[in-house]
Protein backbone atom coordinates (compact mmCIF):
# COMPACT_ATOMS: atom_id res chain seq x y z
CA MET A 1 96.36 -45.83 61.68
CA ASN A 2 97.98 -47.65 64.50
CA LEU A 3 95.84 -46.35 67.26
CA ALA A 4 97.98 -47.76 70.05
CA ALA A 5 101.13 -46.06 68.61
CA PHE A 6 99.21 -42.83 68.09
CA TYR A 7 97.85 -42.61 71.70
CA GLN A 8 101.27 -43.60 73.27
CA GLU A 9 102.93 -40.86 71.26
CA GLN A 10 100.29 -38.33 72.22
CA LEU A 11 100.63 -39.19 75.82
CA PHE A 12 104.50 -39.54 76.30
CA GLY A 13 105.67 -37.26 73.41
CA ASP A 14 103.07 -34.43 73.41
CA CYS A 15 101.10 -34.17 76.61
CA LEU A 16 103.38 -35.24 79.40
CA PRO A 17 106.35 -33.15 78.25
CA PHE A 18 104.15 -29.99 78.20
CA TRP A 19 103.28 -30.46 81.92
CA PHE A 20 106.41 -31.70 83.45
CA PRO A 21 108.64 -30.64 84.99
CA ARG A 22 107.26 -27.08 84.55
CA ALA A 23 104.10 -27.80 86.70
CA VAL A 24 106.25 -28.82 89.71
CA ASP A 25 106.23 -26.11 92.19
CA GLU A 26 109.69 -26.32 93.93
CA GLU A 27 108.97 -23.37 96.24
CA PHE A 28 105.71 -24.12 97.95
CA GLY A 29 105.04 -27.74 96.81
CA GLY A 30 102.12 -29.16 94.76
CA PHE A 31 101.50 -28.18 91.23
CA LEU A 32 101.16 -24.97 89.17
CA HIS A 33 98.89 -25.45 86.28
CA CYS A 34 97.51 -22.29 84.84
CA PHE A 35 99.55 -22.17 81.69
CA ASP A 36 99.41 -20.24 78.29
CA ARG A 37 99.78 -21.90 74.93
CA ASP A 38 103.69 -21.89 75.24
CA GLY A 39 103.76 -23.02 78.84
CA ALA A 40 104.13 -19.49 80.31
CA LEU A 41 102.48 -19.17 83.77
CA VAL A 42 99.37 -17.07 83.49
CA ASP A 43 98.28 -17.33 87.12
CA SER A 44 99.97 -18.78 90.25
CA ASP A 45 96.81 -19.65 92.05
CA LYS A 46 96.13 -23.31 92.52
CA SER A 47 93.10 -25.57 92.12
CA VAL A 48 92.73 -28.00 94.95
CA TRP A 49 91.15 -30.44 92.36
CA ALA A 50 94.16 -30.32 90.32
CA GLN A 51 96.49 -31.27 93.20
CA GLY A 52 94.62 -34.52 93.77
CA ARG A 53 93.91 -35.25 90.02
CA MET A 54 97.55 -34.56 88.93
CA SER A 55 98.89 -36.62 91.81
CA TRP A 56 96.55 -39.51 90.83
CA MET A 57 97.55 -39.32 87.23
CA LEU A 58 101.18 -39.34 87.94
CA LEU A 59 100.75 -42.39 90.39
CA THR A 60 98.66 -44.18 87.70
CA LEU A 61 101.60 -43.87 85.27
CA TYR A 62 104.03 -44.96 87.95
CA LEU A 63 102.03 -48.08 88.91
CA GLU A 64 100.88 -49.23 85.48
CA HIS A 65 103.66 -47.97 83.19
CA GLU A 66 106.98 -47.27 84.62
CA ARG A 67 108.23 -46.77 88.20
CA LYS A 68 109.97 -43.50 87.52
CA PRO A 69 111.09 -42.01 90.84
CA GLU A 70 110.31 -38.49 89.68
CA TRP A 71 106.75 -39.37 89.07
CA LEU A 72 106.35 -40.75 92.53
CA GLY A 73 108.18 -37.78 94.02
CA TRP A 74 106.07 -35.20 92.25
CA ALA A 75 102.91 -36.91 93.24
CA GLU A 76 103.97 -36.98 96.83
CA SER A 77 104.63 -33.39 96.68
CA GLY A 78 101.04 -32.92 95.62
CA LEU A 79 99.74 -35.04 98.35
CA ARG A 80 101.75 -33.10 100.96
CA PHE A 81 100.36 -29.87 99.56
CA LEU A 82 96.95 -31.18 99.88
CA GLU A 83 97.33 -32.12 103.39
CA GLU A 84 99.20 -29.13 104.71
CA LYS A 85 97.53 -26.27 102.73
CA CYS A 86 94.16 -27.35 101.35
CA VAL A 87 92.15 -28.61 104.40
CA ASP A 88 89.93 -26.04 106.31
CA PRO A 89 90.76 -26.66 109.94
CA VAL A 90 87.32 -25.25 110.95
CA ASP A 91 85.31 -28.14 109.53
CA GLY A 92 87.86 -30.55 108.05
CA ARG A 93 86.69 -30.11 104.48
CA MET A 94 88.95 -29.17 101.57
CA PHE A 95 89.07 -25.74 99.74
CA PHE A 96 88.57 -25.51 96.11
CA HIS A 97 90.93 -22.61 95.30
CA VAL A 98 94.12 -21.52 97.05
CA MET A 99 96.99 -19.11 96.35
CA TRP A 100 100.52 -20.12 95.26
CA ASP A 101 101.54 -20.65 98.92
CA GLY A 102 98.40 -22.31 99.90
CA THR A 103 96.47 -19.35 101.46
CA PRO A 104 92.81 -20.18 101.04
CA VAL A 105 90.77 -18.17 98.41
CA ARG A 106 87.55 -20.20 98.02
CA LYS A 107 85.63 -23.20 99.37
CA ARG A 108 82.59 -24.25 97.39
CA ARG A 109 79.38 -25.59 98.74
CA TYR A 110 79.71 -28.93 97.13
CA ALA A 111 82.57 -31.36 97.74
CA TYR A 112 84.57 -32.81 94.88
CA SER A 113 88.17 -31.86 96.17
CA GLU A 114 87.71 -34.65 98.64
CA SER A 115 86.94 -37.27 95.93
CA PHE A 116 90.16 -36.37 93.94
CA ALA A 117 92.16 -36.57 97.22
CA ALA A 118 90.75 -39.97 97.88
CA ILE A 119 91.78 -41.48 94.53
CA ALA A 120 95.23 -39.95 94.83
CA PHE A 121 95.86 -41.33 98.23
CA ALA A 122 94.52 -44.75 97.17
CA ALA A 123 96.94 -44.81 94.23
CA HIS A 124 99.69 -43.79 96.57
CA ALA A 125 98.84 -46.64 99.02
CA ALA A 126 99.31 -49.05 96.12
CA ALA A 127 102.54 -47.40 95.01
CA SER A 128 104.17 -47.16 98.39
CA GLY A 129 102.45 -49.84 100.57
CA SER A 130 101.46 -47.15 102.93
CA ASP A 131 98.59 -48.14 105.24
CA GLU A 132 98.44 -44.52 106.32
CA SER A 133 97.69 -43.35 102.67
CA ALA A 134 94.98 -46.20 102.44
CA GLU A 135 93.32 -44.82 105.53
CA LYS A 136 93.54 -41.23 104.23
CA ALA A 137 91.85 -42.50 100.93
CA ARG A 138 89.02 -44.03 103.00
CA HIS A 139 88.73 -40.93 105.11
CA TRP A 140 88.30 -38.60 102.19
CA PHE A 141 85.94 -40.81 100.41
CA GLY A 142 83.94 -40.84 103.59
CA ARG A 143 83.85 -37.10 103.88
CA PHE A 144 82.88 -36.75 100.11
CA THR A 145 79.99 -39.23 100.39
CA GLU A 146 78.84 -37.84 103.80
CA TRP A 147 78.69 -34.28 102.53
CA ASN A 148 77.00 -35.09 99.22
CA PHE A 149 74.47 -37.70 100.24
CA THR A 150 73.50 -36.66 103.99
CA PRO A 151 70.07 -34.97 103.65
CA GLY A 152 70.31 -31.32 104.72
CA LEU A 153 74.06 -31.19 105.23
CA MET A 154 74.98 -29.49 102.13
CA PRO A 155 73.46 -25.97 101.91
CA PRO A 156 70.98 -25.75 99.08
CA LYS A 157 72.01 -24.01 95.85
CA PHE A 158 68.71 -22.30 95.47
CA ALA A 159 65.89 -21.47 98.00
CA GLY A 160 64.79 -25.03 98.32
CA THR A 161 61.46 -24.61 96.68
CA ARG A 162 62.52 -26.48 93.63
CA PRO A 163 64.80 -29.37 94.79
CA MET A 164 66.86 -31.14 92.30
CA GLU A 165 69.32 -34.08 92.25
CA GLY A 166 72.38 -34.08 90.02
CA ILE A 167 74.11 -36.91 88.12
CA GLY A 168 77.58 -35.49 88.96
CA THR A 169 77.63 -36.76 92.49
CA ARG A 170 76.60 -40.26 91.48
CA MET A 171 79.04 -40.64 88.75
CA ILE A 172 81.92 -39.29 90.67
CA THR A 173 81.03 -41.48 93.71
CA LEU A 174 80.93 -44.41 91.23
CA VAL A 175 84.42 -43.79 89.69
CA THR A 176 85.91 -42.87 93.05
CA ALA A 177 84.69 -46.18 94.67
CA GLN A 178 86.03 -48.11 91.62
CA GLU A 179 89.43 -46.60 92.15
CA LEU A 180 89.48 -47.40 95.78
CA ARG A 181 88.43 -50.86 95.13
CA LYS A 182 91.16 -51.28 92.51
CA HIS A 183 93.83 -50.08 94.86
CA LEU A 184 92.56 -51.02 98.33
CA GLY A 185 90.54 -54.23 97.63
CA GLU A 186 86.94 -54.96 97.70
CA ASP A 187 84.84 -54.37 100.70
CA ALA A 188 81.09 -54.22 101.39
CA ALA A 189 80.97 -50.43 101.82
CA LEU A 190 82.50 -49.69 98.42
CA THR A 191 80.36 -52.26 96.69
CA GLY A 192 77.31 -50.68 98.35
CA TRP A 193 78.13 -47.19 97.03
CA ILE A 194 78.81 -48.64 93.47
CA ASP A 195 75.37 -50.58 93.43
CA ARG A 196 73.64 -47.50 94.75
CA CYS A 197 75.12 -45.12 92.14
CA VAL A 198 74.54 -47.31 89.23
CA ASP A 199 70.89 -48.01 90.34
CA GLU A 200 70.32 -44.16 90.81
CA ILE A 201 71.87 -43.33 87.42
CA ARG A 202 69.65 -45.82 85.70
CA ARG A 203 66.54 -45.16 87.68
CA LEU A 204 66.61 -41.41 88.00
CA PHE A 205 68.62 -39.93 85.14
CA VAL A 206 68.31 -42.38 82.21
CA LYS A 207 65.14 -41.78 80.27
CA PRO A 208 64.60 -44.52 77.69
CA GLU A 209 61.31 -42.98 76.51
CA LEU A 210 63.16 -39.69 75.57
CA LYS A 211 66.46 -41.36 74.67
CA VAL A 212 68.40 -39.17 76.97
CA VAL A 213 70.46 -38.93 80.12
CA MET A 214 69.47 -36.03 82.25
CA GLU A 215 71.93 -33.73 84.10
CA SER A 216 69.55 -32.97 86.90
CA VAL A 217 66.17 -34.12 87.89
CA ALA A 218 63.60 -33.79 90.75
CA PRO A 219 64.15 -36.11 93.70
CA ASP A 220 61.66 -38.56 92.22
CA GLY A 221 63.42 -38.58 88.85
CA SER A 222 60.94 -36.35 87.07
CA ILE A 223 61.95 -33.71 84.69
CA VAL A 224 61.92 -30.11 86.03
CA ASP A 225 60.46 -28.06 83.05
CA HIS A 226 62.59 -25.07 83.62
CA PHE A 227 65.99 -23.88 82.08
CA ASP A 228 68.12 -25.66 84.71
CA GLY A 229 66.02 -28.83 84.82
CA ARG A 230 65.88 -29.33 81.15
CA LEU A 231 69.64 -28.85 80.75
CA LEU A 232 71.70 -31.62 79.12
CA ASN A 233 75.45 -31.96 79.31
CA PRO A 234 76.36 -34.49 76.68
CA GLY A 235 80.04 -34.84 77.68
CA HIS A 236 79.16 -35.37 81.31
CA ALA A 237 76.60 -38.13 80.43
CA ILE A 238 79.13 -39.83 78.03
CA GLU A 239 81.78 -39.78 80.83
CA ALA A 240 79.16 -41.48 83.17
CA ALA A 241 78.57 -43.95 80.31
CA TRP A 242 82.17 -45.22 80.38
CA PHE A 243 82.08 -45.40 84.23
CA VAL A 244 79.11 -47.80 83.81
CA LEU A 245 80.84 -49.66 81.09
CA GLU A 246 83.89 -49.95 83.45
CA GLU A 247 81.81 -51.69 85.95
CA ALA A 248 80.27 -53.84 83.42
CA GLY A 249 83.62 -55.12 82.45
CA TYR A 250 84.57 -55.76 86.09
CA ARG A 251 81.38 -57.68 86.71
CA GLY A 252 80.99 -59.30 83.32
CA ASP A 253 77.39 -57.87 83.34
CA ALA A 254 75.81 -57.73 79.90
CA GLU A 255 72.96 -55.61 81.18
CA LEU A 256 75.31 -52.94 82.30
CA VAL A 257 77.06 -53.05 78.89
CA LYS A 258 73.63 -52.43 77.30
CA LEU A 259 73.01 -49.48 79.69
CA GLY A 260 76.42 -47.86 79.08
CA CYS A 261 76.13 -48.20 75.31
CA GLU A 262 72.60 -46.78 75.31
CA MET A 263 73.78 -43.80 77.41
CA LEU A 264 76.53 -43.22 74.90
CA ASP A 265 74.24 -43.65 71.84
CA TRP A 266 71.55 -41.27 73.13
CA MET A 267 74.03 -38.48 74.24
CA TRP A 268 76.18 -38.86 71.06
CA GLU A 269 73.09 -38.22 69.06
CA ARG A 270 72.17 -35.26 71.31
CA GLY A 271 75.58 -33.79 71.47
CA TRP A 272 77.33 -34.13 68.02
CA ASP A 273 77.39 -31.02 66.01
CA GLU A 274 76.49 -32.13 62.51
CA GLU A 275 77.37 -28.78 60.92
CA HIS A 276 80.76 -28.08 62.47
CA GLY A 277 81.74 -31.28 64.20
CA GLY A 278 82.69 -31.80 67.81
CA LEU A 279 80.30 -31.98 70.84
CA PHE A 280 78.10 -29.21 72.06
CA TYR A 281 78.53 -28.22 75.67
CA PHE A 282 74.88 -27.92 76.59
CA ARG A 283 71.58 -28.94 74.91
CA ASP A 284 68.01 -28.86 76.02
CA VAL A 285 65.96 -32.00 76.58
CA TYR A 286 63.11 -30.71 74.39
CA GLY A 287 65.13 -28.89 71.95
CA LYS A 288 64.41 -25.35 73.33
CA PRO A 289 66.97 -22.63 73.55
CA VAL A 290 69.59 -22.97 76.29
CA GLN A 291 70.24 -19.87 78.41
CA GLU A 292 73.99 -20.33 79.03
CA TYR A 293 76.05 -18.30 76.51
CA TRP A 294 78.68 -21.00 76.19
CA GLN A 295 76.10 -23.74 75.28
CA ASP A 296 77.50 -24.26 71.62
CA MET A 297 81.25 -24.03 72.60
CA LYS A 298 83.44 -27.09 72.34
CA PHE A 299 85.30 -27.76 75.67
CA TRP A 300 88.29 -30.13 75.78
CA TRP A 301 87.14 -32.56 78.39
CA PRO A 302 83.88 -33.90 76.77
CA HIS A 303 85.94 -34.85 73.81
CA ASP A 304 88.46 -36.66 75.97
CA GLU A 305 85.67 -38.59 77.69
CA ALA A 306 84.02 -39.42 74.44
CA LEU A 307 87.29 -40.84 73.10
CA ILE A 308 87.36 -43.29 75.95
CA ALA A 309 83.63 -44.11 75.78
CA THR A 310 83.48 -44.87 72.04
CA LEU A 311 86.63 -47.01 72.15
CA MET A 312 85.37 -48.88 75.21
CA ALA A 313 82.01 -49.37 73.70
CA TYR A 314 83.70 -50.84 70.56
CA ARG A 315 85.77 -53.05 72.70
CA MET A 316 82.99 -54.35 74.82
CA ALA A 317 80.06 -54.40 72.28
CA GLY A 318 81.94 -55.07 69.13
CA GLU A 319 79.79 -52.75 67.05
CA ALA A 320 81.57 -51.04 64.11
CA ARG A 321 79.71 -47.77 64.51
CA TYR A 322 81.56 -47.07 67.77
CA LEU A 323 84.93 -47.42 66.09
CA GLU A 324 83.62 -45.20 63.26
CA TRP A 325 82.48 -42.64 65.82
CA HIS A 326 85.74 -42.86 67.61
CA GLU A 327 87.72 -42.20 64.54
CA LYS A 328 85.57 -39.27 63.45
CA LEU A 329 86.02 -37.78 66.95
CA ARG A 330 89.76 -38.44 67.05
CA VAL A 331 90.45 -36.77 63.80
CA TRP A 332 88.18 -33.74 64.66
CA SER A 333 89.48 -33.37 68.19
CA PHE A 334 93.20 -33.69 67.60
CA GLY A 335 92.83 -31.35 64.56
CA LYS A 336 91.13 -28.68 66.41
CA PHE A 337 92.33 -28.96 70.05
CA GLY A 338 95.86 -29.93 69.23
CA ASP A 339 98.89 -27.73 69.00
CA GLU A 340 101.71 -29.05 66.97
CA GLU A 341 104.11 -26.24 67.92
CA PHE A 342 103.83 -26.47 71.69
CA GLY A 343 102.04 -29.52 72.54
CA GLU A 344 98.90 -30.41 74.59
CA TRP A 345 95.30 -29.29 73.81
CA PHE A 346 93.70 -25.91 73.93
CA GLY A 347 90.89 -25.84 76.46
CA TYR A 348 88.14 -23.98 74.76
CA LEU A 349 86.99 -23.69 71.11
CA ARG A 350 84.22 -21.66 69.46
CA ARG A 351 81.51 -23.68 67.76
CA ASP A 352 83.44 -23.63 64.56
CA GLY A 353 86.59 -25.16 66.18
CA VAL A 354 88.69 -22.02 66.42
CA PRO A 355 90.30 -21.62 69.77
CA ALA A 356 88.50 -19.17 72.01
CA ASN A 357 91.72 -18.40 73.76
CA SER A 358 95.25 -19.67 74.12
CA LEU A 359 94.92 -21.37 77.58
CA LYS A 360 96.36 -24.83 78.06
CA GLY A 361 95.69 -24.92 81.85
CA SER A 362 93.33 -23.19 84.16
CA LEU A 363 91.63 -23.72 87.53
CA TRP A 364 89.55 -26.40 85.72
CA LYS A 365 92.00 -27.80 83.06
CA SER A 366 95.07 -29.50 84.38
CA PHE A 367 97.07 -32.71 83.83
CA PHE A 368 93.93 -35.00 84.11
CA HIS A 369 91.20 -35.41 81.53
CA HIS A 370 93.46 -35.30 78.51
CA PRO A 371 96.24 -37.59 79.83
CA ARG A 372 93.60 -39.92 81.24
CA ALA A 373 92.00 -40.23 77.88
CA LEU A 374 95.33 -40.85 76.15
CA TRP A 375 96.22 -43.41 78.73
CA ARG A 376 93.01 -45.30 78.62
CA CYS A 377 92.73 -45.19 74.83
CA TRP A 378 96.29 -46.40 74.53
CA GLY A 379 95.34 -49.45 76.76
CA LEU A 380 92.13 -50.11 74.82
CA ALA A 381 93.85 -49.95 71.60
CA ARG A 382 96.37 -52.39 72.63
CA GLU A 383 93.68 -54.75 73.62
CA MET A 384 92.27 -54.54 70.09
CA VAL A 385 95.43 -55.67 68.32
């Protein structure tokens, strides 16, 4: 198997043609993305996450593969829609969910729309040389970190009697800062956020004594022995692992290589379904029952993240088992999520690998996790030749 050729074909022959140009909204701007198996539009509402994510992915291909004018133009349409329709004028934060024309539907208590806007504007600054886009990237990163890390600013999810910290904000801050550094250059503030997030992931969420990476912990890093506190999300932790490995490669840091590989090792062991294959969505740290009914389903994005992580670990650590894991995962994932007739991946499988529905796009699934995995794996495979 020529891995590089495989991933190149999957990206440019299977995934990209499914999304474009059908996702481009010529009427209101930005992107439509809630598609059925054959590309039929299921819902015209728009995820604000998707506007930033899809713009970033198009700009990444424009910068690093081929400067196609349509990719730049489509991305700029997404950025205009973000600015003109997705910002709440009351507090300057971004919405999560809007109608086709940009009418607000929902704004969530946590801020991630801002992080995806930040990486998209940073990539646009690199693509266009726009100082204005560079400042917008810094602005949205600042809003994201302010909202997520200022004590008391974000309303608590629960009553406040059982406070917990999540790995999600740390890992997204880490990868967002890495993207801004890549496109805007190094500065002390970005380095500080990267250092802080790597330290907190290692110190609070990584538990060597249990060989596990927690999804949430008490503020002091201890395990909260209740349903929510015991919950593991193997795909999320494996995604965080490759963000750590990315930083290890940037710094030439062997200790970070070790950390990233341990995170992958432990969560692969926790997450891989030995009976049916694929990665479980949720597990319990102590092996107790998980209350979420979708806990044993197979979602598309953990498999995309694990494809990157296993190939990156092999590239950086040189251990054959990572390539073996990657191949096992690749065969299972493309065999189960893939759709030879219409292209792209289904989003949701039952535990046995049968599609739970025919959706290819939703408020959560867009042109992001899967093309990012194909893009990164193609690059890693070329380095291995």
